[in-house]
Amino acid sequence: MSNQIALINNCKKGNRQAQEELYRKYSRVLFGICLKYSRNKTEAEDSLHDSFMTIFSKIDQYKEKGSFEGWMKRITINTVLQKYRQEQFHADIPENLEEEETTEDLAYGSLDLNTLLSYIQELPNKYRITFNLYVLDGYSHKEIAEMLGTSLGTSKSNLSRARTILKEKIEADRPKIGLEK
């Protein structure tokens, strides 16, 4: 039996040491996800806590099929999204929208990760979440609409607006962050 399977089985039995070990092993990865979807570090820490509470309460549902880390990441994303759905942050937008600009148009690659993350965290909730799901996590607009309980058009509009805001922020800060035109 592998160490990870033993660790999972001990967590299923409610073993506090195993839960602490699981937390230490995966908290950095899951915190990164929470931080990506949150407005700030404190909010990300709250989401991480809530995510681990859900992981520990539902760990008996993990049937050792597929990646355990992937299973926990999915729970973490769903935990963060559930908070925002409860805030009812989204408004329906008509579906006849132009296709959004491509990611390449924004030149994210020329920014360091911390700068980009700080810009993303400044986005309004609905734009930040849609941007992260689409650009960083690879979900389709259809999947995002289902996850957030919105229309396909709302997902496209939110992504387009997020990209516009980010582009404007990058352009305005070019000299400050050392990017050439």
C-alpha atoms as a PDB file:
ATOM      1  CA  MET A   1       0.000   0.000   0.000  1.00  0.00           C
ATOM      2  CA  SER A   2       1.433   3.389  -0.961  1.00  0.00           C
ATOM      3  CA  ASN A   3       2.047   6.126   1.599  1.00  0.00           C
ATOM      4  CA  GLN A   4      -0.640   8.304   0.019  1.00  0.00           C
ATOM      5  CA  ILE A   5      -3.273   5.547   0.172  1.00  0.00           C
ATOM      6  CA  ALA A   6      -2.361   4.885   3.810  1.00  0.00           C
ATOM      7  CA  LEU A   7      -2.567   8.610   4.545  1.00  0.00           C
ATOM      8  CA  ILE A   8      -5.989   8.846   2.883  1.00  0.00           C
ATOM      9  CA  ASN A   9      -7.251   5.767   4.739  1.00  0.00           C
ATOM     10  CA  ASN A  10      -6.063   7.189   8.061  1.00  0.00           C
ATOM     11  CA  CYS A  11      -7.832  10.464   7.267  1.00  0.00           C
ATOM     12  CA  LYS A  12     -10.996   8.496   6.498  1.00  0.00           C
ATOM     13  CA  LYS A  13     -10.725   7.068  10.030  1.00  0.00           C
ATOM     14  CA  GLY A  14     -10.556  10.604  11.442  1.00  0.00           C
ATOM     15  CA  ASN A  15      -6.885  10.337  12.490  1.00  0.00           C
ATOM     16  CA  ARG A  16      -5.818  13.899  13.429  1.00  0.00           C
ATOM     17  CA  GLN A  17      -2.118  13.252  12.723  1.00  0.00           C
ATOM     18  CA  ALA A  18      -2.958  12.034   9.221  1.00  0.00           C
ATOM     19  CA  GLN A  19      -5.159  15.067   8.639  1.00  0.00           C
ATOM     20  CA  GLU A  20      -2.342  17.360   9.741  1.00  0.00           C
ATOM     21  CA  GLU A  21       0.093  15.556   7.436  1.00  0.00           C
ATOM     22  CA  LEU A  22      -2.358  15.831   4.521  1.00  0.00           C
ATOM     23  CA  TYR A  23      -2.759  19.536   5.263  1.00  0.00           C
ATOM     24  CA  ARG A  24       1.017  20.096   5.333  1.00  0.00           C
ATOM     25  CA  LYS A  25       1.477  18.122   2.117  1.00  0.00           C
ATOM     26  CA  TYR A  26      -1.190  19.913   0.039  1.00  0.00           C
ATOM     27  CA  SER A  27      -1.917  23.264   1.693  1.00  0.00           C
ATOM     28  CA  ARG A  28       0.543  25.237  -0.466  1.00  0.00           C
ATOM     29  CA  VAL A  29      -0.948  23.958  -3.734  1.00  0.00           C
ATOM     30  CA  LEU A  30      -4.517  24.497  -2.586  1.00  0.00           C
ATOM     31  CA  PHE A  31      -3.678  27.897  -1.093  1.00  0.00           C
ATOM     32  CA  GLY A  32      -2.371  28.923  -4.515  1.00  0.00           C
ATOM     33  CA  ILE A  33      -5.776  28.083  -5.985  1.00  0.00           C
ATOM     34  CA  CYS A  34      -7.571  29.996  -3.227  1.00  0.00           C
ATOM     35  CA  LEU A  35      -5.292  32.998  -3.668  1.00  0.00           C
ATOM     36  CA  LYS A  36      -5.924  33.011  -7.402  1.00  0.00           C
ATOM     37  CA  TYR A  37      -9.680  33.294  -6.862  1.00  0.00           C
ATOM     38  CA  SER A  38      -9.641  35.593  -3.830  1.00  0.00           C
ATOM     39  CA  ARG A  39      -9.410  39.342  -3.382  1.00  0.00           C
ATOM     40  CA  ASN A  40      -6.676  39.074  -0.772  1.00  0.00           C
ATOM     41  CA  LYS A  41      -4.626  36.741   1.410  1.00  0.00           C
ATOM     42  CA  THR A  42      -7.107  36.734   4.302  1.00  0.00           C
ATOM     43  CA  GLU A  43      -9.976  35.709   2.035  1.00  0.00           C
ATOM     44  CA  ALA A  44      -7.759  32.996   0.500  1.00  0.00           C
ATOM     45  CA  GLU A  45      -6.881  31.665   3.953  1.00  0.00           C
ATOM     46  CA  ASP A  46     -10.591  31.448   4.831  1.00  0.00           C
ATOM     47  CA  SER A  47     -11.275  29.582   1.609  1.00  0.00           C
ATOM     48  CA  LEU A  48      -8.383  27.193   2.269  1.00  0.00           C
ATOM     49  CA  HIS A  49      -9.766  26.448   5.717  1.00  0.00           C
ATOM     50  CA  ASP A  50     -13.256  25.844   4.332  1.00  0.00           C
ATOM     51  CA  SER A  51     -11.822  23.659   1.574  1.00  0.00           C
ATOM     52  CA  PHE A  52      -9.979  21.409   4.028  1.00  0.00           C
ATOM     53  CA  MET A  53     -13.080  21.154   6.199  1.00  0.00           C
ATOM     54  CA  THR A  54     -14.968  19.908   3.136  1.00  0.00           C
ATOM     55  CA  ILE A  55     -12.118  17.588   2.101  1.00  0.00           C
ATOM     56  CA  PHE A  56     -11.995  15.993   5.557  1.00  0.00           C
ATOM     57  CA  SER A  57     -15.783  15.682   5.776  1.00  0.00           C
ATOM     58  CA  LYS A  58     -16.060  14.119   2.292  1.00  0.00           C
ATOM     59  CA  ILE A  59     -12.818  12.151   2.145  1.00  0.00           C
ATOM     60  CA  ASP A  60     -14.750   8.892   2.478  1.00  0.00           C
ATOM     61  CA  GLN A  61     -16.306   9.721  -0.917  1.00  0.00           C
ATOM     62  CA  TYR A  62     -12.895   9.528  -2.622  1.00  0.00           C
ATOM     63  CA  LYS A  63     -12.800   6.061  -4.197  1.00  0.00           C
ATOM     64  CA  GLU A  64      -9.115   6.025  -5.260  1.00  0.00           C
ATOM     65  CA  LYS A  65     -10.082   6.559  -8.893  1.00  0.00           C
ATOM     66  CA  GLY A  66      -8.209   9.415 -10.529  1.00  0.00           C
ATOM     67  CA  SER A  67      -5.824  11.847  -8.937  1.00  0.00           C
ATOM     68  CA  PHE A  68      -6.390  12.563  -5.261  1.00  0.00           C
ATOM     69  CA  GLU A  69      -4.787  15.980  -5.680  1.00  0.00           C
ATOM     70  CA  GLY A  70      -7.125  16.675  -8.603  1.00  0.00           C
ATOM     71  CA  TRP A  71     -10.080  15.671  -6.428  1.00  0.00           C
ATOM     72  CA  MET A  72      -8.970  18.107  -3.722  1.00  0.00           C
ATOM     73  CA  LYS A  73      -8.372  20.893  -6.265  1.00  0.00           C
ATOM     74  CA  ARG A  74     -11.910  20.447  -7.574  1.00  0.00           C
ATOM     75  CA  ILE A  75     -13.302  20.701  -4.032  1.00  0.00           C
ATOM     76  CA  THR A  76     -11.221  23.834  -3.441  1.00  0.00           C
ATOM     77  CA  ILE A  77     -12.435  25.530  -6.619  1.00  0.00           C
ATOM     78  CA  ASN A  78     -16.031  24.575  -5.834  1.00  0.00           C
ATOM     79  CA  THR A  79     -15.677  25.898  -2.270  1.00  0.00           C
ATOM     80  CA  VAL A  80     -14.453  29.270  -3.494  1.00  0.00           C
ATOM     81  CA  LEU A  81     -17.127  29.456  -6.196  1.00  0.00           C
ATOM     82  CA  GLN A  82     -19.854  28.558  -3.719  1.00  0.00           C
ATOM     83  CA  LYS A  83     -18.917  31.608  -1.626  1.00  0.00           C
ATOM     84  CA  TYR A  84     -19.283  33.876  -4.623  1.00  0.00           C
ATOM     85  CA  ARG A  85     -22.539  32.292  -5.756  1.00  0.00           C
ATOM     86  CA  GLN A  86     -23.895  33.025  -2.298  1.00  0.00           C
ATOM     87  CA  GLU A  87     -22.942  36.671  -2.762  1.00  0.00           C
ATOM     88  CA  GLN A  88     -24.953  36.635  -6.004  1.00  0.00           C
ATOM     89  CA  PHE A  89     -22.319  38.662  -7.774  1.00  0.00           C
ATOM     90  CA  HIS A  90     -23.328  37.995 -11.349  1.00  0.00           C
ATOM     91  CA  ALA A  91     -25.846  39.669 -13.598  1.00  0.00           C
ATOM     92  CA  ASP A  92     -27.169  38.138 -16.779  1.00  0.00           C
ATOM     93  CA  ILE A  93     -25.805  39.642 -19.977  1.00  0.00           C
ATOM     94  CA  PRO A  94     -27.300  39.106 -23.454  1.00  0.00           C
ATOM     95  CA  GLU A  95     -25.702  36.286 -25.427  1.00  0.00           C
ATOM     96  CA  ASN A  96     -25.062  38.166 -28.696  1.00  0.00           C
ATOM     97  CA  LEU A  97     -21.563  39.289 -27.795  1.00  0.00           C
ATOM     98  CA  GLU A  98     -18.523  39.621 -29.998  1.00  0.00           C
ATOM     99  CA  GLU A  99     -15.825  37.003 -29.493  1.00  0.00           C
ATOM    100  CA  GLU A 100     -13.339  38.074 -26.884  1.00  0.00           C
ATOM    101  CA  GLU A 101      -9.801  39.111 -27.689  1.00  0.00           C
ATOM    102  CA  THR A 102      -7.143  36.444 -27.461  1.00  0.00           C
ATOM    103  CA  THR A 103      -4.912  35.980 -24.461  1.00  0.00           C
ATOM    104  CA  GLU A 104      -1.873  36.771 -26.595  1.00  0.00           C
ATOM    105  CA  ASP A 105      -3.165  40.331 -27.096  1.00  0.00           C
ATOM    106  CA  LEU A 106      -2.531  41.049 -23.440  1.00  0.00           C
ATOM    107  CA  ALA A 107       1.094  39.881 -23.255  1.00  0.00           C
ATOM    108  CA  TYR A 108       0.709  38.311 -19.782  1.00  0.00           C
ATOM    109  CA  GLY A 109       3.921  36.397 -20.374  1.00  0.00           C
ATOM    110  CA  SER A 110       6.000  39.563 -20.046  1.00  0.00           C
ATOM    111  CA  LEU A 111       4.782  40.146 -16.476  1.00  0.00           C
ATOM    112  CA  ASP A 112       6.189  38.431 -13.439  1.00  0.00           C
ATOM    113  CA  LEU A 113       3.694  36.125 -11.735  1.00  0.00           C
ATOM    114  CA  ASN A 114       3.291  38.231  -8.580  1.00  0.00           C
ATOM    115  CA  THR A 115       2.474  41.364 -10.565  1.00  0.00           C
ATOM    116  CA  LEU A 116      -0.081  39.527 -12.703  1.00  0.00           C
ATOM    117  CA  LEU A 117      -1.617  37.884  -9.635  1.00  0.00           C
ATOM    118  CA  SER A 118      -1.973  41.265  -7.910  1.00  0.00           C
ATOM    119  CA  TYR A 119      -3.729  42.683 -10.994  1.00  0.00           C
ATOM    120  CA  ILE A 120      -6.054  39.675 -11.150  1.00  0.00           C
ATOM    121  CA  GLN A 121      -6.874  39.989  -7.440  1.00  0.00           C
ATOM    122  CA  GLU A 122      -7.937  43.599  -8.018  1.00  0.00           C
ATOM    123  CA  LEU A 123     -10.578  42.561 -10.552  1.00  0.00           C
ATOM    124  CA  PRO A 124     -14.211  42.602  -9.405  1.00  0.00           C
ATOM    125  CA  ASN A 125     -15.352  39.139  -8.246  1.00  0.00           C
ATOM    126  CA  LYS A 126     -17.294  38.109 -11.333  1.00  0.00           C
ATOM    127  CA  TYR A 127     -14.481  39.087 -13.689  1.00  0.00           C
ATOM    128  CA  ARG A 128     -11.710  37.569 -11.566  1.00  0.00           C
ATOM    129  CA  ILE A 129     -13.466  34.241 -11.201  1.00  0.00           C
ATOM    130  CA  THR A 130     -14.387  33.976 -14.881  1.00  0.00           C
ATOM    131  CA  PHE A 131     -10.868  34.982 -15.936  1.00  0.00           C
ATOM    132  CA  ASN A 132      -9.267  32.391 -13.663  1.00  0.00           C
ATOM    133  CA  LEU A 133     -11.606  29.603 -14.707  1.00  0.00           C
ATOM    134  CA  TYR A 134     -11.177  30.296 -18.428  1.00  0.00           C
ATOM    135  CA  VAL A 135      -7.574  31.466 -18.806  1.00  0.00           C
ATOM    136  CA  LEU A 136      -5.770  29.840 -15.901  1.00  0.00           C
ATOM    137  CA  ASP A 137      -7.770  26.651 -15.362  1.00  0.00           C
ATOM    138  CA  GLY A 138      -8.912  25.953 -18.925  1.00  0.00           C
ATOM    139  CA  TYR A 139     -12.667  25.667 -18.424  1.00  0.00           C
ATOM    140  CA  SER A 140     -14.950  26.388 -21.385  1.00  0.00           C
ATOM    141  CA  HIS A 141     -17.547  29.159 -21.315  1.00  0.00           C
ATOM    142  CA  LYS A 142     -20.249  26.496 -21.182  1.00  0.00           C
ATOM    143  CA  GLU A 143     -18.645  24.896 -18.115  1.00  0.00           C
ATOM    144  CA  ILE A 144     -18.164  28.279 -16.450  1.00  0.00           C
ATOM    145  CA  ALA A 145     -21.780  29.246 -17.079  1.00  0.00           C
ATOM    146  CA  GLU A 146     -22.928  25.978 -15.486  1.00  0.00           C
ATOM    147  CA  MET A 147     -20.576  26.353 -12.509  1.00  0.00           C
ATOM    148  CA  LEU A 148     -21.658  29.928 -11.809  1.00  0.00           C
ATOM    149  CA  GLY A 149     -25.305  29.557 -12.744  1.00  0.00           C
ATOM    150  CA  THR A 150     -25.102  32.194 -15.489  1.00  0.00           C
ATOM    151  CA  SER A 151     -25.559  32.254 -19.240  1.00  0.00           C
ATOM    152  CA  LEU A 152     -22.901  31.568 -21.846  1.00  0.00           C
ATOM    153  CA  GLY A 153     -23.050  35.232 -22.847  1.00  0.00           C
ATOM    154  CA  THR A 154     -22.404  36.356 -19.272  1.00  0.00           C
ATOM    155  CA  SER A 155     -19.300  34.188 -19.122  1.00  0.00           C
ATOM    156  CA  LYS A 156     -17.998  35.637 -22.397  1.00  0.00           C
ATOM    157  CA  SER A 157     -18.823  39.177 -21.330  1.00  0.00           C
ATOM    158  CA  ASN A 158     -17.170  38.779 -17.935  1.00  0.00           C
ATOM    159  CA  LEU A 159     -14.016  37.391 -19.549  1.00  0.00           C
ATOM    160  CA  SER A 160     -13.925  40.183 -22.102  1.00  0.00           C
ATOM    161  CA  ARG A 161     -14.343  42.826 -19.421  1.00  0.00           C
ATOM    162  CA  ALA A 162     -11.662  41.197 -17.222  1.00  0.00           C
ATOM    163  CA  ARG A 163      -9.222  41.231 -20.119  1.00  0.00           C
ATOM    164  CA  THR A 164     -10.032  44.862 -20.896  1.00  0.00           C
ATOM    165  CA  ILE A 165      -9.437  45.898 -17.280  1.00  0.00           C
ATOM    166  CA  LEU A 166      -6.186  43.921 -17.103  1.00  0.00           C
ATOM    167  CA  LYS A 167      -4.981  45.343 -20.397  1.00  0.00           C
ATOM    168  CA  GLU A 168      -5.716  48.890 -19.224  1.00  0.00           C
ATOM    169  CA  LYS A 169      -3.947  48.262 -15.917  1.00  0.00           C
ATOM    170  CA  ILE A 170      -0.886  46.773 -17.652  1.00  0.00           C
ATOM    171  CA  GLU A 171      -0.732  49.630 -20.145  1.00  0.00           C
ATOM    172  CA  ALA A 172      -1.057  52.257 -17.412  1.00  0.00           C
ATOM    173  CA  ASP A 173       1.653  50.617 -15.285  1.00  0.00           C
ATOM    174  CA  ARG A 174       4.121  49.742 -18.068  1.00  0.00           C
ATOM    175  CA  PRO A 175       6.814  52.214 -16.948  1.00  0.00           C
ATOM    176  CA  LYS A 176       6.327  51.332 -13.285  1.00  0.00           C
ATOM    177  CA  ILE A 177       6.680  47.556 -13.840  1.00  0.00           C
ATOM    178  CA  GLY A 178       9.506  47.839 -16.350  1.00  0.00           C
ATOM    179  CA  LEU A 179       7.736  46.803 -19.554  1.00  0.00           C
ATOM    180  CA  GLU A 180       8.681  48.383 -22.842  1.00  0.00           C
ATOM    181  CA  LYS A 181       6.085  49.477 -25.371  1.00  0.00           C
END
